[in-house]
């Protein structure tokens, strides 16, 4: 085997090693990006959930305050007719409470449905990204195997040429 062939094979081996390192670095970077995006989406989802919860608590507290103020004002104005209108007021308050509970339950259901949709979308996106990354890894491994086979074939050819060259008179 002459020096040029040996040098060419060695250079080819170094290039393959460099390509393998670059591919591993790219795969690691894609993995880091995927983890960072997933963490960021999780943070955003938690922040949105917390914000919706705060808003609901503030709204419920405000509606409760308003309801108490209305009840107290009506109590002051209607002391003379308290017995009859007390019954009506209790019935009205119970209905408002039912409506408030129904509204809160509906808002809670909507929030849960929205969160479930966002969670499902996040899971779908994450699964798609994982599948894509797996495909990229498989493709890289196939390319590396193909290059290894090519190198082996070239090395065998060079060895055969060296044997033939050595046998020449």
N, C-alpha and C. Protein backbone atom coordinates (compact mmCIF):
# COMPACT_ATOMS: atom_id res chain seq x y z
N UNK A 1 0.86 -1.16 0.00
CA UNK A 1 0.00 0.00 0.00
C UNK A 1 0.91 1.22 0.00
N UNK A 2 0.64 2.17 -0.89
CA UNK A 2 1.52 3.35 -0.95
C UNK A 2 1.07 4.38 0.06
N UNK A 3 1.88 5.40 0.24
CA UNK A 3 1.66 6.42 1.27
C UNK A 3 0.41 7.25 0.95
N UNK A 4 0.19 7.55 -0.31
CA UNK A 4 -0.96 8.38 -0.68
C UNK A 4 -2.28 7.67 -0.36
N UNK A 5 -2.34 6.39 -0.67
CA UNK A 5 -3.56 5.62 -0.39
C UNK A 5 -3.79 5.52 1.11
N UNK A 6 -2.72 5.24 1.80
CA UNK A 6 -2.82 5.15 3.26
C UNK A 6 -3.26 6.48 3.85
N UNK A 7 -2.69 7.54 3.34
CA UNK A 7 -3.06 8.88 3.83
C UNK A 7 -4.50 9.20 3.49
N UNK A 8 -4.91 8.80 2.28
CA UNK A 8 -6.30 9.06 1.87
C UNK A 8 -7.28 8.31 2.75
N UNK A 9 -6.96 7.08 3.06
CA UNK A 9 -7.84 6.27 3.92
C UNK A 9 -7.89 6.88 5.32
N UNK A 10 -6.74 7.29 5.82
CA UNK A 10 -6.70 7.90 7.15
C UNK A 10 -7.52 9.20 7.17
N UNK A 11 -7.36 10.02 6.11
CA UNK A 11 -8.14 11.28 6.02
C UNK A 11 -9.63 10.99 5.95
N UNK A 12 -9.97 9.97 5.18
CA UNK A 12 -11.36 9.58 5.07
C UNK A 12 -11.92 9.15 6.43
N UNK A 13 -11.12 8.40 7.18
CA UNK A 13 -11.53 7.98 8.52
C UNK A 13 -11.74 9.18 9.43
N UNK A 14 -10.83 10.17 9.35
CA UNK A 14 -10.98 11.38 10.17
C UNK A 14 -12.24 12.15 9.78
N UNK A 15 -12.51 12.21 8.50
CA UNK A 15 -13.71 12.93 8.05
C UNK A 15 -14.98 12.23 8.56
N UNK A 16 -14.96 10.92 8.52
CA UNK A 16 -16.12 10.16 9.00
C UNK A 16 -16.29 10.39 10.49
N UNK A 17 -15.18 10.35 11.25
CA UNK A 17 -15.26 10.61 12.69
C UNK A 17 -15.81 12.01 12.95
N UNK A 18 -15.33 12.99 12.16
CA UNK A 18 -15.79 14.38 12.34
C UNK A 18 -17.28 14.49 12.03
N UNK A 19 -17.71 13.80 10.96
CA UNK A 19 -19.14 13.82 10.62
C UNK A 19 -19.97 13.17 11.73
N UNK A 20 -19.45 12.08 12.29
CA UNK A 20 -20.15 11.41 13.39
C UNK A 20 -20.27 12.31 14.59
N UNK A 21 -19.19 13.01 14.93
CA UNK A 21 -19.21 13.94 16.07
C UNK A 21 -20.21 15.07 15.81
N UNK A 22 -20.17 15.61 14.58
CA UNK A 22 -21.09 16.70 14.25
C UNK A 22 -22.53 16.24 14.33
N UNK A 23 -22.80 15.02 13.87
CA UNK A 23 -24.16 14.48 13.92
C UNK A 23 -24.60 14.28 15.37
N UNK A 24 -23.70 13.75 16.22
CA UNK A 24 -24.04 13.58 17.63
C UNK A 24 -24.31 14.93 18.29
N UNK A 25 -23.50 15.93 17.94
CA UNK A 25 -23.71 17.27 18.52
C UNK A 25 -25.04 17.84 18.07
N UNK A 26 -25.38 17.65 16.80
CA UNK A 26 -26.68 18.14 16.31
C UNK A 26 -27.83 17.44 17.01
N UNK A 27 -27.69 16.12 17.20
CA UNK A 27 -28.76 15.38 17.89
C UNK A 27 -28.88 15.84 19.33
N UNK A 28 -27.76 16.08 19.99
CA UNK A 28 -27.80 16.56 21.37
C UNK A 28 -28.45 17.94 21.42
N UNK A 29 -28.12 18.79 20.47
CA UNK A 29 -28.69 20.15 20.44
C UNK A 29 -30.20 20.09 20.21
N UNK A 30 -30.63 19.21 19.29
CA UNK A 30 -32.07 19.07 19.06
C UNK A 30 -32.77 18.57 20.32
N UNK A 31 -32.13 17.65 21.02
CA UNK A 31 -32.70 17.15 22.28
C UNK A 31 -32.82 18.26 23.31
N UNK A 32 -31.76 19.08 23.41
CA UNK A 32 -31.80 20.21 24.36
C UNK A 32 -32.92 21.18 23.99
N UNK A 33 -33.02 21.48 22.70
CA UNK A 33 -34.06 22.40 22.25
C UNK A 33 -35.44 21.84 22.55
N UNK A 34 -35.63 20.57 22.32
CA UNK A 34 -36.92 19.93 22.60
C UNK A 34 -37.25 20.02 24.09
N UNK A 35 -36.24 19.72 24.95
CA UNK A 35 -36.49 19.81 26.39
C UNK A 35 -36.79 21.24 26.79
N UNK A 36 -36.06 22.20 26.22
CA UNK A 36 -36.28 23.61 26.58
C UNK A 36 -37.67 24.07 26.13
N UNK A 37 -38.06 23.68 24.92
CA UNK A 37 -39.39 24.08 24.44
C UNK A 37 -40.49 23.46 25.29
N UNK A 38 -40.32 22.19 25.64
CA UNK A 38 -41.31 21.51 26.46
C UNK A 38 -41.41 22.17 27.83
N UNK A 39 -40.27 22.49 28.42
CA UNK A 39 -40.27 23.15 29.73
C UNK A 39 -40.92 24.52 29.63
N UNK A 40 -40.61 25.25 28.57
CA UNK A 40 -41.18 26.60 28.40
C UNK A 40 -42.69 26.52 28.22
N UNK A 41 -43.16 25.58 27.41
CA UNK A 41 -44.59 25.43 27.23
C UNK A 41 -45.26 25.03 28.53
N UNK A 42 -44.60 24.18 29.32
CA UNK A 42 -45.14 23.80 30.63
C UNK A 42 -45.24 25.00 31.56
N UNK A 43 -44.18 25.82 31.55
CA UNK A 43 -44.20 27.03 32.38
C UNK A 43 -45.33 27.95 31.97
N UNK A 44 -45.47 28.14 30.65
CA UNK A 44 -46.53 29.02 30.16
C UNK A 44 -47.90 28.48 30.54
N UNK A 45 -48.07 27.19 30.40
CA UNK A 45 -49.36 26.58 30.75
C UNK A 45 -49.65 26.74 32.24
N UNK A 46 -48.62 26.53 33.09
CA UNK A 46 -48.82 26.72 34.52
C UNK A 46 -49.14 28.18 34.84
N UNK A 47 -48.44 29.10 34.18
CA UNK A 47 -48.67 30.53 34.43
C UNK A 47 -50.09 30.92 34.01
N UNK A 48 -50.51 30.42 32.84
CA UNK A 48 -51.86 30.73 32.37
C UNK A 48 -52.91 30.15 33.32
N UNK A 49 -52.68 28.93 33.77
CA UNK A 49 -53.61 28.30 34.70
C UNK A 49 -53.70 29.09 36.00
N UNK A 50 -52.55 29.50 36.51
CA UNK A 50 -52.54 30.28 37.75
C UNK A 50 -53.26 31.61 37.55
N UNK A 51 -53.03 32.24 36.41
CA UNK A 51 -53.67 33.53 36.12
C UNK A 51 -55.19 33.36 36.01
N UNK A 52 -55.63 32.31 35.32
CA UNK A 52 -57.08 32.07 35.22
C UNK A 52 -57.67 31.82 36.61
N UNK A 53 -56.95 31.07 37.43
CA UNK A 53 -57.42 30.81 38.79
C UNK A 53 -57.54 32.09 39.60
N UNK A 54 -56.53 32.96 39.48
CA UNK A 54 -56.56 34.25 40.19
C UNK A 54 -57.76 35.07 39.72
N UNK A 55 -57.94 35.12 38.41
CA UNK A 55 -59.05 35.90 37.88
C UNK A 55 -60.39 35.36 38.37
N UNK A 56 -60.52 34.04 38.36
CA UNK A 56 -61.77 33.45 38.85
C UNK A 56 -61.99 33.78 40.33
N UNK A 57 -60.92 33.70 41.13
CA UNK A 57 -61.07 34.02 42.56
C UNK A 57 -61.46 35.48 42.75
N UNK A 58 -60.84 36.37 41.98
CA UNK A 58 -61.17 37.79 42.09
C UNK A 58 -62.62 38.04 41.67
N UNK A 59 -63.01 37.42 40.56
CA UNK A 59 -64.39 37.60 40.10
C UNK A 59 -65.39 37.07 41.11
N UNK A 60 -65.13 35.89 41.65
CA UNK A 60 -66.03 35.29 42.63
C UNK A 60 -66.09 36.18 43.88
N UNK A 61 -64.92 36.66 44.33
CA UNK A 61 -64.91 37.52 45.50
C UNK A 61 -65.68 38.82 45.23
N UNK A 62 -65.49 39.40 44.06
CA UNK A 62 -66.19 40.64 43.71
C UNK A 62 -67.69 40.41 43.62
N UNK A 63 -68.07 39.31 42.98
CA UNK A 63 -69.50 39.02 42.89
C UNK A 63 -70.08 38.75 44.28
N UNK A 64 -69.32 38.08 45.12
CA UNK A 64 -69.77 37.85 46.50
C UNK A 64 -69.93 39.16 47.26
N UNK A 65 -68.97 40.07 47.10
CA UNK A 65 -69.06 41.38 47.75
C UNK A 65 -70.30 42.13 47.25
N UNK A 66 -70.47 42.12 45.93
CA UNK A 66 -71.63 42.83 45.37
C UNK A 66 -72.94 42.24 45.89
N UNK A 67 -72.98 40.93 45.97
CA UNK A 67 -74.20 40.27 46.46
C UNK A 67 -74.46 40.64 47.92
N UNK A 68 -73.40 40.67 48.75
CA UNK A 68 -73.58 41.04 50.15
C UNK A 68 -74.07 42.49 50.29
N UNK A 69 -73.48 43.38 49.48
CA UNK A 69 -73.88 44.80 49.53
C UNK A 69 -75.35 44.95 49.15
N UNK A 70 -75.74 44.26 48.07
CA UNK A 70 -77.14 44.35 47.64
C UNK A 70 -78.09 43.84 48.72
N UNK A 71 -77.73 42.72 49.33
CA UNK A 71 -78.58 42.12 50.36
C UNK A 71 -78.70 43.06 51.57
N UNK A 72 -77.57 43.65 51.97
CA UNK A 72 -77.60 44.56 53.13
C UNK A 72 -78.45 45.79 52.83
N UNK A 73 -78.28 46.34 51.63
CA UNK A 73 -79.05 47.54 51.26
C UNK A 73 -80.54 47.24 51.20
N UNK A 74 -80.87 46.12 50.63
CA UNK A 74 -82.28 45.74 50.57
C UNK A 74 -82.84 45.50 51.96
N UNK A 75 -82.01 44.93 52.85
CA UNK A 75 -82.45 44.71 54.23
C UNK A 75 -82.78 46.01 54.94
N UNK A 76 -81.94 47.05 54.73
CA UNK A 76 -82.18 48.36 55.34
C UNK A 76 -83.46 49.00 54.81
N UNK A 77 -83.67 48.90 53.51
CA UNK A 77 -84.82 49.55 52.89
C UNK A 77 -86.13 48.83 53.19
N UNK A 78 -86.06 47.54 53.45
CA UNK A 78 -87.29 46.76 53.54
C UNK A 78 -87.57 46.21 54.94
N UNK A 79 -87.06 46.86 55.97
CA UNK A 79 -87.27 46.34 57.33
C UNK A 79 -88.76 46.23 57.67
N UNK A 80 -89.55 47.15 57.22
CA UNK A 80 -90.98 47.14 57.55
C UNK A 80 -91.68 45.92 56.95
N UNK A 81 -91.25 45.51 55.80
CA UNK A 81 -91.90 44.38 55.13
C UNK A 81 -91.03 43.12 55.23
N UNK A 82 -90.24 43.03 56.23
CA UNK A 82 -89.22 42.00 56.36
C UNK A 82 -89.77 40.58 56.30
N UNK A 83 -90.83 40.28 56.94
CA UNK A 83 -91.31 38.90 57.02
C UNK A 83 -91.64 38.34 55.63
N UNK A 84 -92.47 39.06 54.89
CA UNK A 84 -92.89 38.58 53.57
C UNK A 84 -91.74 38.64 52.56
N UNK A 85 -91.12 39.78 52.55
CA UNK A 85 -90.07 39.95 51.55
C UNK A 85 -88.80 39.20 51.93
N UNK A 86 -88.64 38.86 53.19
CA UNK A 86 -87.51 38.02 53.62
C UNK A 86 -87.55 36.67 52.91
N UNK A 87 -88.75 36.11 52.79
CA UNK A 87 -88.91 34.84 52.07
C UNK A 87 -88.53 35.01 50.60
N UNK A 88 -89.01 36.12 50.02
CA UNK A 88 -88.70 36.37 48.61
C UNK A 88 -87.19 36.58 48.42
N UNK A 89 -86.61 37.32 49.38
CA UNK A 89 -85.18 37.60 49.29
C UNK A 89 -84.36 36.30 49.40
N UNK A 90 -84.75 35.43 50.31
CA UNK A 90 -84.03 34.16 50.46
C UNK A 90 -84.12 33.34 49.17
N UNK A 91 -85.32 33.32 48.60
CA UNK A 91 -85.50 32.57 47.35
C UNK A 91 -84.65 33.18 46.23
N UNK A 92 -84.63 34.51 46.19
CA UNK A 92 -83.85 35.21 45.16
C UNK A 92 -82.34 34.94 45.35
N UNK A 93 -81.90 35.01 46.60
CA UNK A 93 -80.48 34.77 46.89
C UNK A 93 -80.10 33.32 46.55
N UNK A 94 -80.98 32.39 46.85
CA UNK A 94 -80.70 30.99 46.53
C UNK A 94 -80.57 30.82 45.01
N UNK A 95 -81.46 31.48 44.26
CA UNK A 95 -81.40 31.40 42.80
C UNK A 95 -80.11 32.02 42.26
N UNK A 96 -79.77 33.18 42.82
CA UNK A 96 -78.52 33.82 42.39
C UNK A 96 -77.31 32.95 42.73
N UNK A 97 -77.38 32.33 43.89
CA UNK A 97 -76.30 31.41 44.26
C UNK A 97 -76.21 30.24 43.29
N UNK A 98 -77.37 29.69 42.90
CA UNK A 98 -77.39 28.61 41.93
C UNK A 98 -76.81 29.07 40.60
N UNK A 99 -77.23 30.27 40.19
CA UNK A 99 -76.71 30.80 38.93
C UNK A 99 -75.20 31.04 39.01
N UNK A 100 -74.78 31.60 40.15
CA UNK A 100 -73.36 31.86 40.35
C UNK A 100 -72.58 30.54 40.34
N UNK A 101 -73.12 29.54 41.03
CA UNK A 101 -72.45 28.23 41.04
C UNK A 101 -72.43 27.64 39.62
N UNK A 102 -73.56 27.77 38.92
CA UNK A 102 -73.62 27.24 37.56
C UNK A 102 -72.62 27.96 36.65
N UNK A 103 -72.54 29.28 36.80
CA UNK A 103 -71.57 30.05 36.00
C UNK A 103 -70.14 29.64 36.36
N UNK A 104 -69.89 29.52 37.66
CA UNK A 104 -68.54 29.12 38.09
C UNK A 104 -68.22 27.71 37.59
N UNK A 105 -69.20 26.81 37.67
CA UNK A 105 -68.98 25.45 37.20
C UNK A 105 -68.72 25.45 35.70
N UNK A 106 -69.47 26.25 34.96
CA UNK A 106 -69.28 26.34 33.51
C UNK A 106 -67.92 26.93 33.18
N UNK A 107 -67.54 27.97 33.89
CA UNK A 107 -66.22 28.56 33.66
C UNK A 107 -65.12 27.57 34.01
N UNK A 108 -65.33 26.83 35.08
CA UNK A 108 -64.36 25.79 35.46
C UNK A 108 -64.27 24.71 34.40
N UNK A 109 -65.42 24.27 33.87
CA UNK A 109 -65.42 23.27 32.81
C UNK A 109 -64.72 23.79 31.57
N UNK A 110 -65.02 25.06 31.21
CA UNK A 110 -64.36 25.64 30.04
C UNK A 110 -62.86 25.73 30.24
N UNK A 111 -62.45 26.14 31.42
CA UNK A 111 -61.03 26.24 31.73
C UNK A 111 -60.37 24.86 31.68
N UNK A 112 -61.04 23.87 32.27
CA UNK A 112 -60.48 22.51 32.23
C UNK A 112 -60.39 22.01 30.79
N UNK A 113 -61.44 22.26 29.99
CA UNK A 113 -61.43 21.82 28.59
C UNK A 113 -60.31 22.51 27.82
N UNK A 114 -60.14 23.79 28.07
CA UNK A 114 -59.08 24.54 27.39
C UNK A 114 -57.70 24.00 27.81
N UNK A 115 -57.55 23.76 29.12
CA UNK A 115 -56.27 23.23 29.61
C UNK A 115 -56.02 21.83 29.04
N UNK A 116 -57.07 21.03 28.97
CA UNK A 116 -56.93 19.68 28.41
C UNK A 116 -56.54 19.76 26.94
N UNK A 117 -57.17 20.67 26.20
CA UNK A 117 -56.82 20.86 24.79
C UNK A 117 -55.38 21.29 24.62
N UNK A 118 -54.96 22.24 25.45
CA UNK A 118 -53.57 22.70 25.36
C UNK A 118 -52.61 21.59 25.76
N UNK A 119 -52.97 20.83 26.79
CA UNK A 119 -52.13 19.71 27.20
C UNK A 119 -52.04 18.66 26.11
N UNK A 120 -53.18 18.35 25.48
CA UNK A 120 -53.18 17.36 24.40
C UNK A 120 -52.34 17.86 23.23
N UNK A 121 -52.48 19.14 22.91
CA UNK A 121 -51.68 19.71 21.82
C UNK A 121 -50.20 19.65 22.16
N UNK A 122 -49.87 19.95 23.41
CA UNK A 122 -48.47 19.91 23.85
C UNK A 122 -47.95 18.47 23.75
N UNK A 123 -48.76 17.51 24.20
CA UNK A 123 -48.34 16.11 24.10
C UNK A 123 -48.18 15.70 22.63
N UNK A 124 -49.11 16.12 21.77
CA UNK A 124 -49.02 15.80 20.35
C UNK A 124 -47.76 16.39 19.73
N UNK A 125 -47.50 17.67 20.05
CA UNK A 125 -46.31 18.34 19.52
C UNK A 125 -45.05 17.65 20.02
N UNK A 126 -45.03 17.31 21.30
CA UNK A 126 -43.86 16.66 21.88
C UNK A 126 -43.64 15.29 21.24
N UNK A 127 -44.72 14.53 21.05
CA UNK A 127 -44.61 13.22 20.43
C UNK A 127 -44.11 13.35 19.00
N UNK A 128 -44.63 14.32 18.27
CA UNK A 128 -44.18 14.53 16.89
C UNK A 128 -42.70 14.89 16.85
N UNK A 129 -42.28 15.74 17.77
CA UNK A 129 -40.88 16.14 17.80
C UNK A 129 -40.00 14.94 18.16
N UNK A 130 -40.45 14.11 19.11
CA UNK A 130 -39.69 12.92 19.47
C UNK A 130 -39.56 11.98 18.28
N UNK A 131 -40.69 11.76 17.57
CA UNK A 131 -40.67 10.88 16.41
C UNK A 131 -39.72 11.41 15.34
N UNK A 132 -39.78 12.71 15.12
CA UNK A 132 -38.89 13.32 14.13
C UNK A 132 -37.42 13.14 14.54
N UNK A 133 -37.14 13.34 15.81
CA UNK A 133 -35.77 13.18 16.30
C UNK A 133 -35.33 11.72 16.17
N UNK A 134 -36.21 10.78 16.49
CA UNK A 134 -35.87 9.36 16.33
C UNK A 134 -35.56 9.04 14.87
N UNK A 135 -36.37 9.58 13.96
CA UNK A 135 -36.14 9.35 12.54
C UNK A 135 -34.80 9.93 12.11
N UNK A 136 -34.47 11.11 12.60
CA UNK A 136 -33.19 11.73 12.29
C UNK A 136 -32.04 10.87 12.81
N UNK A 137 -32.19 10.33 14.02
CA UNK A 137 -31.15 9.48 14.60
C UNK A 137 -31.00 8.21 13.76
N UNK A 138 -32.11 7.58 13.41
CA UNK A 138 -32.06 6.38 12.58
C UNK A 138 -31.39 6.67 11.24
N UNK A 139 -31.76 7.78 10.64
CA UNK A 139 -31.18 8.16 9.35
C UNK A 139 -29.67 8.36 9.49
N UNK A 140 -29.23 9.01 10.55
CA UNK A 140 -27.81 9.23 10.79
C UNK A 140 -27.08 7.91 11.00
N UNK A 141 -27.69 7.00 11.75
CA UNK A 141 -27.06 5.70 11.98
C UNK A 141 -26.94 4.91 10.69
N UNK A 142 -27.96 4.98 9.85
CA UNK A 142 -27.92 4.28 8.57
C UNK A 142 -26.80 4.86 7.70
N UNK A 143 -26.69 6.18 7.68
CA UNK A 143 -25.63 6.81 6.90
C UNK A 143 -24.26 6.40 7.42
N UNK A 144 -24.08 6.36 8.74
CA UNK A 144 -22.80 5.95 9.30
C UNK A 144 -22.48 4.50 8.93
N UNK A 145 -23.45 3.62 8.98
CA UNK A 145 -23.23 2.23 8.61
C UNK A 145 -22.85 2.13 7.14
N UNK A 146 -23.52 2.90 6.29
CA UNK A 146 -23.22 2.89 4.86
C UNK A 146 -21.79 3.37 4.62
N UNK A 147 -21.38 4.41 5.32
CA UNK A 147 -20.02 4.93 5.16
C UNK A 147 -19.02 3.90 5.65
N UNK A 148 -19.30 3.23 6.75
CA UNK A 148 -18.41 2.19 7.25
C UNK A 148 -18.25 1.06 6.23
N UNK A 149 -19.37 0.65 5.61
CA UNK A 149 -19.30 -0.39 4.58
C UNK A 149 -18.47 0.07 3.40
N UNK A 150 -18.67 1.32 2.99
CA UNK A 150 -17.88 1.87 1.88
C UNK A 150 -16.40 1.87 2.21
N UNK A 151 -16.05 2.25 3.43
CA UNK A 151 -14.65 2.27 3.84
C UNK A 151 -14.08 0.85 3.83
N UNK A 152 -14.85 -0.10 4.34
CA UNK A 152 -14.39 -1.48 4.34
C UNK A 152 -14.16 -1.96 2.93
N UNK A 153 -15.05 -1.65 2.00
CA UNK A 153 -14.90 -2.07 0.60
C UNK A 153 -13.65 -1.44 0.00
N UNK A 154 -13.47 -0.13 0.26
CA UNK A 154 -12.28 0.56 -0.26
C UNK A 154 -11.03 -0.05 0.34
N UNK A 155 -11.03 -0.32 1.63
CA UNK A 155 -9.86 -0.91 2.28
C UNK A 155 -9.56 -2.29 1.70
N UNK A 156 -10.59 -3.10 1.47
CA UNK A 156 -10.37 -4.41 0.86
C UNK A 156 -9.79 -4.27 -0.54
N UNK A 157 -10.31 -3.31 -1.31
CA UNK A 157 -9.80 -3.07 -2.66
C UNK A 157 -8.35 -2.63 -2.62
N UNK A 158 -8.02 -1.74 -1.69
CA UNK A 158 -6.64 -1.28 -1.56
C UNK A 158 -5.74 -2.45 -1.16
N UNK A 159 -6.20 -3.28 -0.24
CA UNK A 159 -5.42 -4.44 0.18
C UNK A 159 -5.21 -5.39 -1.00
N UNK A 160 -6.24 -5.63 -1.79
CA UNK A 160 -6.12 -6.50 -2.96
C UNK A 160 -5.13 -5.92 -3.96
N UNK A 161 -5.21 -4.61 -4.17
CA UNK A 161 -4.25 -3.96 -5.08
C UNK A 161 -2.84 -4.09 -4.54
N UNK A 162 -2.66 -3.93 -3.24
CA UNK A 162 -1.34 -4.06 -2.65
C UNK A 162 -0.81 -5.48 -2.85
N UNK A 163 -1.66 -6.49 -2.65
CA UNK A 163 -1.25 -7.87 -2.85
C UNK A 163 -0.85 -8.10 -4.30
N UNK A 164 -1.67 -7.61 -5.24
CA UNK A 164 -1.37 -7.76 -6.65
C UNK A 164 -0.07 -7.04 -7.00
N UNK A 165 0.08 -5.88 -6.43
CA UNK A 165 1.30 -5.09 -6.70
C UNK A 165 2.52 -5.81 -6.16
N UNK A 166 2.39 -6.38 -4.97
CA UNK A 166 3.52 -7.11 -4.38
C UNK A 166 3.84 -8.37 -5.17
N UNK A 167 2.91 -9.01 -5.81
CA UNK A 167 3.12 -10.26 -6.56
C UNK A 167 3.72 -10.00 -7.95
N UNK A 168 3.68 -8.81 -8.36
CA UNK A 168 4.23 -8.50 -9.70
C UNK A 168 5.72 -8.73 -9.71
N UNK A 169 6.26 -9.28 -10.82
CA UNK A 169 7.70 -9.53 -10.88
C UNK A 169 8.50 -8.26 -11.06
